PDB file of all heavy atoms in Angstrom:
ATOM      1  N   PRO A   1       9.341  13.283  25.687  1.00  0.00           N
ATOM      2  CA  PRO A   1       8.907  14.620  25.280  1.00  0.00           C
ATOM      3  C   PRO A   1       9.790  15.751  25.783  1.00  0.00           C
ATOM      4  O   PRO A   1       9.923  16.783  25.117  1.00  0.00           O
ATOM      5  CB  PRO A   1       7.490  14.714  25.864  1.00  0.00           C
ATOM      6  CG  PRO A   1       7.047  13.302  26.028  1.00  0.00           C
ATOM      7  CD  PRO A   1       8.281  12.524  26.367  1.00  0.00           C
ATOM      8  N   ASP A   2      10.403  15.579  26.955  1.00  0.00           N
ATOM      9  CA  ASP A   2      11.209  16.660  27.516  1.00  0.00           C
ATOM     10  C   ASP A   2      12.615  16.711  26.931  1.00  0.00           C
ATOM     11  O   ASP A   2      13.249  17.772  26.905  1.00  0.00           O
ATOM     12  CB  ASP A   2      11.300  16.503  29.038  1.00  0.00           C
ATOM     13  CG  ASP A   2       9.940  16.666  29.703  1.00  0.00           C
ATOM     14  OD1 ASP A   2       9.115  17.432  29.161  1.00  0.00           O
ATOM     15  OD2 ASP A   2       9.698  16.015  30.731  1.00  0.00           O
ATOM     16  N   ILE A   3      13.120  15.561  26.462  1.00  0.00           N
ATOM     17  CA  ILE A   3      14.482  15.487  25.940  1.00  0.00           C
ATOM     18  C   ILE A   3      14.506  15.434  24.414  1.00  0.00           C
ATOM     19  O   ILE A   3      15.293  16.113  23.755  1.00  0.00           O
ATOM     20  CB  ILE A   3      15.222  14.268  26.522  1.00  0.00           C
ATOM     21  CG1 ILE A   3      15.267  14.368  28.054  1.00  0.00           C
ATOM     22  CG2 ILE A   3      16.635  14.156  25.944  1.00  0.00           C
ATOM     23  CD1 ILE A   3      15.878  13.161  28.728  1.00  0.00           C
ATOM     24  N   LEU A   4      13.608  14.615  23.855  1.00  0.00           N
ATOM     25  CA  LEU A   4      13.521  14.463  22.396  1.00  0.00           C
ATOM     26  C   LEU A   4      12.106  14.795  21.938  1.00  0.00           C
ATOM     27  O   LEU A   4      11.358  13.920  21.497  1.00  0.00           O
ATOM     28  CB  LEU A   4      13.889  13.028  21.984  1.00  0.00           C
ATOM     29  CG  LEU A   4      15.319  12.575  22.293  1.00  0.00           C
ATOM     30  CD1 LEU A   4      15.467  11.082  22.032  1.00  0.00           C
ATOM     31  CD2 LEU A   4      16.319  13.361  21.452  1.00  0.00           C
ATOM     32  N   PRO A   5      11.682  16.032  22.071  1.00  0.00           N
ATOM     33  CA  PRO A   5      10.308  16.393  21.684  1.00  0.00           C
ATOM     34  C   PRO A   5      10.058  16.168  20.200  1.00  0.00           C
ATOM     35  O   PRO A   5      10.884  16.490  19.360  1.00  0.00           O
ATOM     36  CB  PRO A   5      10.222  17.885  22.040  1.00  0.00           C
ATOM     37  CG  PRO A   5      11.629  18.355  22.007  1.00  0.00           C
ATOM     38  CD  PRO A   5      12.459  17.208  22.499  1.00  0.00           C
ATOM     39  N   GLY A   6       8.909  15.559  19.913  1.00  0.00           N
ATOM     40  CA  GLY A   6       8.530  15.344  18.521  1.00  0.00           C
ATOM     41  C   GLY A   6       8.923  14.008  17.952  1.00  0.00           C
ATOM     42  O   GLY A   6       8.432  13.618  16.892  1.00  0.00           O
ATOM     43  N   LEU A   7       9.788  13.264  18.620  1.00  0.00           N
ATOM     44  CA  LEU A   7      10.227  11.961  18.122  1.00  0.00           C
ATOM     45  C   LEU A   7       9.313  10.880  18.684  1.00  0.00           C
ATOM     46  O   LEU A   7       9.152  10.762  19.896  1.00  0.00           O
ATOM     47  CB  LEU A   7      11.675  11.690  18.529  1.00  0.00           C
ATOM     48  CG  LEU A   7      12.295  10.404  17.966  1.00  0.00           C
ATOM     49  CD1 LEU A   7      12.389  10.480  16.445  1.00  0.00           C
ATOM     50  CD2 LEU A   7      13.673  10.183  18.583  1.00  0.00           C
ATOM     51  N   SER A   8       8.708  10.083  17.800  1.00  0.00           N
ATOM     52  CA  SER A   8       7.756   9.072  18.260  1.00  0.00           C
ATOM     53  C   SER A   8       7.898   7.772  17.484  1.00  0.00           C
ATOM     54  O   SER A   8       8.304   7.756  16.317  1.00  0.00           O
ATOM     55  CB  SER A   8       6.315   9.591  18.138  1.00  0.00           C
ATOM     56  OG  SER A   8       5.963   9.771  16.780  1.00  0.00           O
ATOM     57  N   LEU A   9       7.553   6.687  18.159  1.00  0.00           N
ATOM     58  CA  LEU A   9       7.417   5.373  17.533  1.00  0.00           C
ATOM     59  C   LEU A   9       5.932   5.092  17.374  1.00  0.00           C
ATOM     60  O   LEU A   9       5.116   5.547  18.177  1.00  0.00           O
ATOM     61  CB  LEU A   9       8.075   4.291  18.395  1.00  0.00           C
ATOM     62  CG  LEU A   9       9.561   4.470  18.699  1.00  0.00           C
ATOM     63  CD1 LEU A   9      10.042   3.356  19.622  1.00  0.00           C
ATOM     64  CD2 LEU A   9      10.377   4.498  17.417  1.00  0.00           C
ATOM     65  N   LYS A  10       5.569   4.318  16.346  1.00  0.00           N
ATOM     66  CA  LYS A  10       4.157   4.065  16.109  1.00  0.00           C
ATOM     67  C   LYS A  10       3.921   2.651  15.609  1.00  0.00           C
ATOM     68  O   LYS A  10       4.766   2.057  14.929  1.00  0.00           O
ATOM     69  CB  LYS A  10       3.594   5.074  15.105  1.00  0.00           C
ATOM     70  CG  LYS A  10       4.295   5.105  13.764  1.00  0.00           C
ATOM     71  CD  LYS A  10       3.742   6.226  12.899  1.00  0.00           C
ATOM     72  CE  LYS A  10       3.959   7.574  13.516  1.00  0.00           C
ATOM     73  NZ  LYS A  10       3.336   8.671  12.779  1.00  0.00           N
ATOM     74  N   THR A  11       2.763   2.119  15.958  1.00  0.00           N
ATOM     75  CA  THR A  11       2.344   0.821  15.455  1.00  0.00           C
ATOM     76  C   THR A  11       0.832   0.736  15.555  1.00  0.00           C
ATOM     77  O   THR A  11       0.192   1.582  16.181  1.00  0.00           O
ATOM     78  CB  THR A  11       3.005  -0.329  16.236  1.00  0.00           C
ATOM     79  OG1 THR A  11       2.710  -1.581  15.584  1.00  0.00           O
ATOM     80  CG2 THR A  11       2.485  -0.386  17.663  1.00  0.00           C
ATOM     81  N   GLY A  12       0.256  -0.290  14.951  1.00  0.00           N
ATOM     82  CA  GLY A  12      -1.188  -0.442  14.952  1.00  0.00           C
ATOM     83  C   GLY A  12      -1.623  -1.444  13.902  1.00  0.00           C
ATOM     84  O   GLY A  12      -0.975  -2.474  13.704  1.00  0.00           O
ATOM     85  N   VAL A  13      -2.694  -1.117  13.208  1.00  0.00           N
ATOM     86  CA  VAL A  13      -3.208  -1.974  12.146  1.00  0.00           C
ATOM     87  C   VAL A  13      -3.636  -1.094  10.984  1.00  0.00           C
ATOM     88  O   VAL A  13      -4.066   0.045  11.172  1.00  0.00           O
ATOM     89  CB  VAL A  13      -4.393  -2.838  12.653  1.00  0.00           C
ATOM     90  CG1 VAL A  13      -5.568  -1.961  13.051  1.00  0.00           C
ATOM     91  CG2 VAL A  13      -4.817  -3.861  11.602  1.00  0.00           C
ATOM     92  N   GLN A  14      -3.490  -1.612   9.778  1.00  0.00           N
ATOM     93  CA  GLN A  14      -3.894  -0.869   8.586  1.00  0.00           C
ATOM     94  C   GLN A  14      -4.814  -1.729   7.737  1.00  0.00           C
ATOM     95  O   GLN A  14      -4.482  -2.875   7.401  1.00  0.00           O
ATOM     96  CB  GLN A  14      -2.665  -0.465   7.770  1.00  0.00           C
ATOM     97  CG  GLN A  14      -2.999   0.298   6.494  1.00  0.00           C
ATOM     98  CD  GLN A  14      -1.791   0.964   5.892  1.00  0.00           C
ATOM     99  OE1 GLN A  14      -1.315   1.977   6.387  1.00  0.00           O
ATOM    100  NE2 GLN A  14      -1.278   0.411   4.803  1.00  0.00           N
ATOM    101  N   LEU A  15      -5.969  -1.169   7.410  1.00  0.00           N
ATOM    102  CA  LEU A  15      -6.955  -1.858   6.571  1.00  0.00           C
ATOM    103  C   LEU A  15      -6.923  -1.241   5.182  1.00  0.00           C
ATOM    104  O   LEU A  15      -7.165  -0.045   5.029  1.00  0.00           O
ATOM    105  CB  LEU A  15      -8.348  -1.727   7.190  1.00  0.00           C
ATOM    106  CG  LEU A  15      -8.482  -2.170   8.651  1.00  0.00           C
ATOM    107  CD1 LEU A  15      -9.882  -1.903   9.167  1.00  0.00           C
ATOM    108  CD2 LEU A  15      -8.133  -3.635   8.805  1.00  0.00           C
ATOM    109  N   GLY A  16      -6.618  -2.052   4.186  1.00  0.00           N
ATOM    110  CA  GLY A  16      -6.517  -1.559   2.819  1.00  0.00           C
ATOM    111  C   GLY A  16      -7.563  -2.163   1.903  1.00  0.00           C
ATOM    112  O   GLY A  16      -8.012  -3.288   2.116  1.00  0.00           O
ATOM    113  N   TYR A  17      -7.933  -1.394   0.890  1.00  0.00           N
ATOM    114  CA  TYR A  17      -8.875  -1.873  -0.130  1.00  0.00           C
ATOM    115  C   TYR A  17      -8.235  -1.685  -1.491  1.00  0.00           C
ATOM    116  O   TYR A  17      -7.773  -0.588  -1.844  1.00  0.00           O
ATOM    117  CB  TYR A  17     -10.194  -1.098  -0.060  1.00  0.00           C
ATOM    118  CG  TYR A  17     -11.223  -1.577  -1.075  1.00  0.00           C
ATOM    119  CD1 TYR A  17     -11.948  -2.734  -0.858  1.00  0.00           C
ATOM    120  CD2 TYR A  17     -11.434  -0.869  -2.258  1.00  0.00           C
ATOM    121  CE1 TYR A  17     -12.882  -3.188  -1.783  1.00  0.00           C
ATOM    122  CE2 TYR A  17     -12.356  -1.311  -3.192  1.00  0.00           C
ATOM    123  CZ  TYR A  17     -13.082  -2.477  -2.952  1.00  0.00           C
ATOM    124  OH  TYR A  17     -13.986  -2.914  -3.880  1.00  0.00           O
ATOM    125  N   LEU A  18      -8.184  -2.764  -2.262  1.00  0.00           N
ATOM    126  CA  LEU A  18      -7.581  -2.718  -3.590  1.00  0.00           C
ATOM    127  C   LEU A  18      -8.537  -2.061  -4.579  1.00  0.00           C
ATOM    128  O   LEU A  18      -9.584  -2.609  -4.911  1.00  0.00           O
ATOM    129  CB  LEU A  18      -7.230  -4.133  -4.052  1.00  0.00           C
ATOM    130  CG  LEU A  18      -6.558  -4.261  -5.416  1.00  0.00           C
ATOM    131  CD1 LEU A  18      -5.210  -3.548  -5.433  1.00  0.00           C
ATOM    132  CD2 LEU A  18      -6.390  -5.726  -5.806  1.00  0.00           C
ATOM    133  N   LEU A  19      -8.160  -0.884  -5.055  1.00  0.00           N
ATOM    134  CA  LEU A  19      -8.983  -0.169  -6.031  1.00  0.00           C
ATOM    135  C   LEU A  19      -8.852  -0.778  -7.421  1.00  0.00           C
ATOM    136  O   LEU A  19      -9.845  -0.960  -8.129  1.00  0.00           O
ATOM    137  CB  LEU A  19      -8.571   1.306  -6.074  1.00  0.00           C
ATOM    138  CG  LEU A  19      -8.701   2.092  -4.775  1.00  0.00           C
ATOM    139  CD1 LEU A  19      -8.101   3.482  -4.950  1.00  0.00           C
ATOM    140  CD2 LEU A  19     -10.156   2.187  -4.351  1.00  0.00           C
ATOM    141  N   GLN A  20      -7.606  -1.082  -7.792  1.00  0.00           N
ATOM    142  CA  GLN A  20      -7.350  -1.615  -9.123  1.00  0.00           C
ATOM    143  C   GLN A  20      -5.966  -2.260  -9.160  1.00  0.00           C
ATOM    144  O   GLN A  20      -5.062  -1.865  -8.427  1.00  0.00           O
ATOM    145  CB  GLN A  20      -7.433  -0.508 -10.174  1.00  0.00           C
ATOM    146  CG  GLN A  20      -7.402  -0.996 -11.619  1.00  0.00           C
ATOM    147  CD  GLN A  20      -7.519   0.151 -12.613  1.00  0.00           C
ATOM    148  OE1 GLN A  20      -6.701   1.056 -12.618  1.00  0.00           O
ATOM    149  NE2 GLN A  20      -8.530   0.116 -13.465  1.00  0.00           N
ATOM    150  N   SER A  21      -5.838  -3.268 -10.008  1.00  0.00           N
ATOM    151  CA  SER A  21      -4.554  -3.927 -10.207  1.00  0.00           C
ATOM    152  C   SER A  21      -4.268  -4.027 -11.703  1.00  0.00           C
ATOM    153  O   SER A  21      -5.158  -4.344 -12.495  1.00  0.00           O
ATOM    154  CB  SER A  21      -4.575  -5.329  -9.587  1.00  0.00           C
ATOM    155  OG  SER A  21      -3.415  -6.045  -9.947  1.00  0.00           O
ATOM    156  N   LYS A  22      -3.017  -3.732 -12.093  1.00  0.00           N
ATOM    157  CA  LYS A  22      -2.621  -3.806 -13.491  1.00  0.00           C
ATOM    158  C   LYS A  22      -1.277  -4.512 -13.621  1.00  0.00           C
ATOM    159  O   LYS A  22      -0.407  -4.374 -12.761  1.00  0.00           O
ATOM    160  CB  LYS A  22      -2.524  -2.411 -14.104  1.00  0.00           C
ATOM    161  CG  LYS A  22      -3.862  -1.689 -14.236  1.00  0.00           C
ATOM    162  CD  LYS A  22      -3.689  -0.353 -14.956  1.00  0.00           C
ATOM    163  CE  LYS A  22      -5.031   0.340 -15.151  1.00  0.00           C
ATOM    164  NZ  LYS A  22      -4.890   1.624 -15.892  1.00  0.00           N
ATOM    165  N   GLU A  23      -1.132  -5.287 -14.701  1.00  0.00           N
ATOM    166  CA  GLU A  23       0.154  -5.898 -14.999  1.00  0.00           C
ATOM    167  C   GLU A  23       0.626  -5.427 -16.365  1.00  0.00           C
ATOM    168  O   GLU A  23      -0.172  -5.204 -17.276  1.00  0.00           O
ATOM    169  CB  GLU A  23       0.070  -7.425 -14.961  1.00  0.00           C
ATOM    170  CG  GLU A  23      -0.838  -8.043 -16.016  1.00  0.00           C
ATOM    171  CD  GLU A  23      -0.765  -9.562 -16.006  1.00  0.00           C
ATOM    172  OE1 GLU A  23       0.102 -10.103 -15.306  1.00  0.00           O
ATOM    173  OE2 GLU A  23      -1.571 -10.200 -16.708  1.00  0.00           O
ATOM    174  N   THR A  24       1.942  -5.253 -16.480  1.00  0.00           N
ATOM    175  CA  THR A  24       2.553  -4.822 -17.735  1.00  0.00           C
ATOM    176  C   THR A  24       3.546  -5.878 -18.189  1.00  0.00           C
ATOM    177  O   THR A  24       4.476  -6.227 -17.459  1.00  0.00           O
ATOM    178  CB  THR A  24       3.269  -3.478 -17.573  1.00  0.00           C
ATOM    179  OG1 THR A  24       2.327  -2.492 -17.136  1.00  0.00           O
ATOM    180  CG2 THR A  24       3.878  -3.029 -18.892  1.00  0.00           C
ATOM    181  N   LEU A  25       3.330  -6.407 -19.398  1.00  0.00           N
ATOM    182  CA  LEU A  25       4.188  -7.447 -19.956  1.00  0.00           C
ATOM    183  C   LEU A  25       4.416  -7.148 -21.428  1.00  0.00           C
ATOM    184  O   LEU A  25       3.458  -6.902 -22.170  1.00  0.00           O
ATOM    185  CB  LEU A  25       3.527  -8.825 -19.796  1.00  0.00           C
ATOM    186  CG  LEU A  25       4.342 -10.042 -20.224  1.00  0.00           C
ATOM    187  CD1 LEU A  25       5.619 -10.159 -19.413  1.00  0.00           C
ATOM    188  CD2 LEU A  25       3.512 -11.315 -20.075  1.00  0.00           C
ATOM    189  N   MET A  26       5.682  -7.124 -21.841  1.00  0.00           N
ATOM    190  CA  MET A  26       6.047  -6.819 -23.220  1.00  0.00           C
ATOM    191  C   MET A  26       5.500  -5.460 -23.658  1.00  0.00           C
ATOM    192  O   MET A  26       5.083  -5.276 -24.799  1.00  0.00           O
ATOM    193  CB  MET A  26       5.573  -7.918 -24.170  1.00  0.00           C
ATOM    194  CG  MET A  26       6.196  -9.279 -23.908  1.00  0.00           C
ATOM    195  SD  MET A  26       5.656 -10.553 -25.073  1.00  0.00           S
ATOM    196  CE  MET A  26       6.366  -9.916 -26.610  1.00  0.00           C
ATOM    197  N   GLY A  27       5.441  -4.510 -22.712  1.00  0.00           N
ATOM    198  CA  GLY A  27       4.975  -3.169 -23.026  1.00  0.00           C
ATOM    199  C   GLY A  27       3.476  -3.013 -23.092  1.00  0.00           C
ATOM    200  O   GLY A  27       2.978  -1.919 -23.373  1.00  0.00           O
ATOM    201  N   VAL A  28       2.725  -4.093 -22.827  1.00  0.00           N
ATOM    202  CA  VAL A  28       1.265  -4.054 -22.883  1.00  0.00           C
ATOM    203  C   VAL A  28       0.713  -4.133 -21.463  1.00  0.00           C
ATOM    204  O   VAL A  28       1.098  -5.020 -20.687  1.00  0.00           O
ATOM    205  CB  VAL A  28       0.701  -5.214 -23.723  1.00  0.00           C
ATOM    206  CG1 VAL A  28      -0.826  -5.175 -23.729  1.00  0.00           C
ATOM    207  CG2 VAL A  28       1.247  -5.153 -25.142  1.00  0.00           C
ATOM    208  N   THR A  29      -0.160  -3.201 -21.102  1.00  0.00           N
ATOM    209  CA  THR A  29      -0.739  -3.144 -19.766  1.00  0.00           C
ATOM    210  C   THR A  29      -2.180  -3.630 -19.781  1.00  0.00           C
ATOM    211  O   THR A  29      -2.988  -3.187 -20.601  1.00  0.00           O
ATOM    212  CB  THR A  29      -0.691  -1.712 -19.210  1.00  0.00           C
ATOM    213  OG1 THR A  29       0.665  -1.271 -19.158  1.00  0.00           O
ATOM    214  CG2 THR A  29      -1.292  -1.647 -17.813  1.00  0.00           C
ATOM    215  N   ASN A  30      -2.495  -4.561 -18.870  1.00  0.00           N
ATOM    216  CA  ASN A  30      -3.842  -5.096 -18.745  1.00  0.00           C
ATOM    217  C   ASN A  30      -4.298  -5.035 -17.291  1.00  0.00           C
ATOM    218  O   ASN A  30      -3.478  -5.115 -16.364  1.00  0.00           O
ATOM    219  CB  ASN A  30      -3.893  -6.557 -19.220  1.00  0.00           C
ATOM    220  CG  ASN A  30      -3.604  -6.704 -20.702  1.00  0.00           C
ATOM    221  OD1 ASN A  30      -4.303  -6.132 -21.539  1.00  0.00           O
ATOM    222  ND2 ASN A  30      -2.566  -7.454 -21.032  1.00  0.00           N
ATOM    223  N   THR A  31      -5.595  -4.908 -17.090  1.00  0.00           N
ATOM    224  CA  THR A  31      -6.168  -4.929 -15.742  1.00  0.00           C
ATOM    225  C   THR A  31      -6.370  -6.373 -15.296  1.00  0.00           C
ATOM    226  O   THR A  31      -6.951  -7.179 -16.034  1.00  0.00           O
ATOM    227  CB  THR A  31      -7.517  -4.190 -15.716  1.00  0.00           C
ATOM    228  OG1 THR A  31      -7.316  -2.828 -16.116  1.00  0.00           O
ATOM    229  CG2 THR A  31      -8.126  -4.214 -14.327  1.00  0.00           C
ATOM    230  N   ASN A  32      -5.880  -6.709 -14.106  1.00  0.00           N
ATOM    231  CA  ASN A  32      -6.039  -8.069 -13.577  1.00  0.00           C
ATOM    232  C   ASN A  32      -6.512  -8.047 -12.125  1.00  0.00           C
ATOM    233  O   ASN A  32      -6.068  -8.844 -11.293  1.00  0.00           O
ATOM    234  CB  ASN A  32      -4.735  -8.864 -13.713  1.00  0.00           C
ATOM    235  CG  ASN A  32      -3.593  -8.274 -12.892  1.00  0.00           C
ATOM    236  OD1 ASN A  32      -3.627  -7.103 -12.520  1.00  0.00           O
ATOM    237  ND2 ASN A  32      -2.598  -9.090 -12.597  1.00  0.00           N
ATOM    238  N   THR A  33      -7.414  -7.121 -11.815  1.00  0.00           N
ATOM    239  CA  THR A  33      -7.905  -6.957 -10.447  1.00  0.00           C
ATOM    240  C   THR A  33      -8.564  -8.224  -9.921  1.00  0.00           C
ATOM    241  O   THR A  33      -8.465  -8.534  -8.723  1.00  0.00           O
ATOM    242  CB  THR A  33      -8.904  -5.785 -10.386  1.00  0.00           C
ATOM    243  OG1 THR A  33      -8.318  -4.631 -11.003  1.00  0.00           O
ATOM    244  CG2 THR A  33      -9.246  -5.436  -8.943  1.00  0.00           C
ATOM    245  N   ASP A  34      -9.212  -9.000 -10.785  1.00  0.00           N
ATOM    246  CA  ASP A  34      -9.902 -10.210 -10.349  1.00  0.00           C
ATOM    247  C   ASP A  34      -8.949 -11.278  -9.832  1.00  0.00           C
ATOM    248  O   ASP A  34      -9.389 -12.240  -9.181  1.00  0.00           O
ATOM    249  CB  ASP A  34     -10.734 -10.789 -11.500  1.00  0.00           C
ATOM    250  CG  ASP A  34     -11.918  -9.906 -11.871  1.00  0.00           C
ATOM    251  OD1 ASP A  34     -12.302  -9.066 -11.028  1.00  0.00           O
ATOM    252  OD2 ASP A  34     -12.449 -10.044 -12.991  1.00  0.00           O
ATOM    253  N   SER A  35      -7.659 -11.137 -10.099  1.00  0.00           N
ATOM    254  CA  SER A  35      -6.688 -12.123  -9.613  1.00  0.00           C
ATOM    255  C   SER A  35      -6.286 -11.875  -8.159  1.00  0.00           C
ATOM    256  O   SER A  35      -5.498 -12.648  -7.596  1.00  0.00           O
ATOM    257  CB  SER A  35      -5.427 -12.103 -10.493  1.00  0.00           C
ATOM    258  OG  SER A  35      -5.720 -12.493 -11.815  1.00  0.00           O
ATOM    259  N   PHE A  36      -6.832 -10.797  -7.563  1.00  0.00           N
ATOM    260  CA  PHE A  36      -6.465 -10.419  -6.201  1.00  0.00           C
ATOM    261  C   PHE A  36      -7.701 -10.276  -5.327  1.00  0.00           C
ATOM    262  O   PHE A  36      -8.757  -9.856  -5.791  1.00  0.00           O
ATOM    263  CB  PHE A  36      -5.700  -9.086  -6.200  1.00  0.00           C
ATOM    264  CG  PHE A  36      -4.361  -9.145  -6.852  1.00  0.00           C
ATOM    265  CD1 PHE A  36      -4.239  -9.033  -8.233  1.00  0.00           C
ATOM    266  CD2 PHE A  36      -3.210  -9.315  -6.086  1.00  0.00           C
ATOM    267  CE1 PHE A  36      -2.989  -9.085  -8.846  1.00  0.00           C
ATOM    268  CE2 PHE A  36      -1.969  -9.367  -6.687  1.00  0.00           C
ATOM    269  CZ  PHE A  36      -1.852  -9.256  -8.064  1.00  0.00           C
ATOM    270  N   HIS A  37      -7.545 -10.628  -4.043  1.00  0.00           N
ATOM    271  CA  HIS A  37      -8.569 -10.295  -3.060  1.00  0.00           C
ATOM    272  C   HIS A  37      -8.519  -8.788  -2.807  1.00  0.00           C
ATOM    273  O   HIS A  37      -7.457  -8.174  -2.836  1.00  0.00           O
ATOM    274  CB  HIS A  37      -8.332 -11.047  -1.753  1.00  0.00           C
ATOM    275  CG  HIS A  37      -8.553 -12.526  -1.852  1.00  0.00           C
ATOM    276  ND1 HIS A  37      -9.786 -13.077  -2.143  1.00  0.00           N
ATOM    277  CD2 HIS A  37      -7.689 -13.569  -1.703  1.00  0.00           C
ATOM    278  CE1 HIS A  37      -9.691 -14.398  -2.167  1.00  0.00           C
ATOM    279  NE2 HIS A  37      -8.422 -14.722  -1.917  1.00  0.00           N
TER     280      HIS A  37
END
């Protein structure tokens, strides 16, 4: 803090929730959320 104020390293854990999943093939987009946890 005294020499390099504001510079920090960080780590921890991140919990994510999949709202929606979509795949696009041959220009057609479909929802495939059920294929993912």
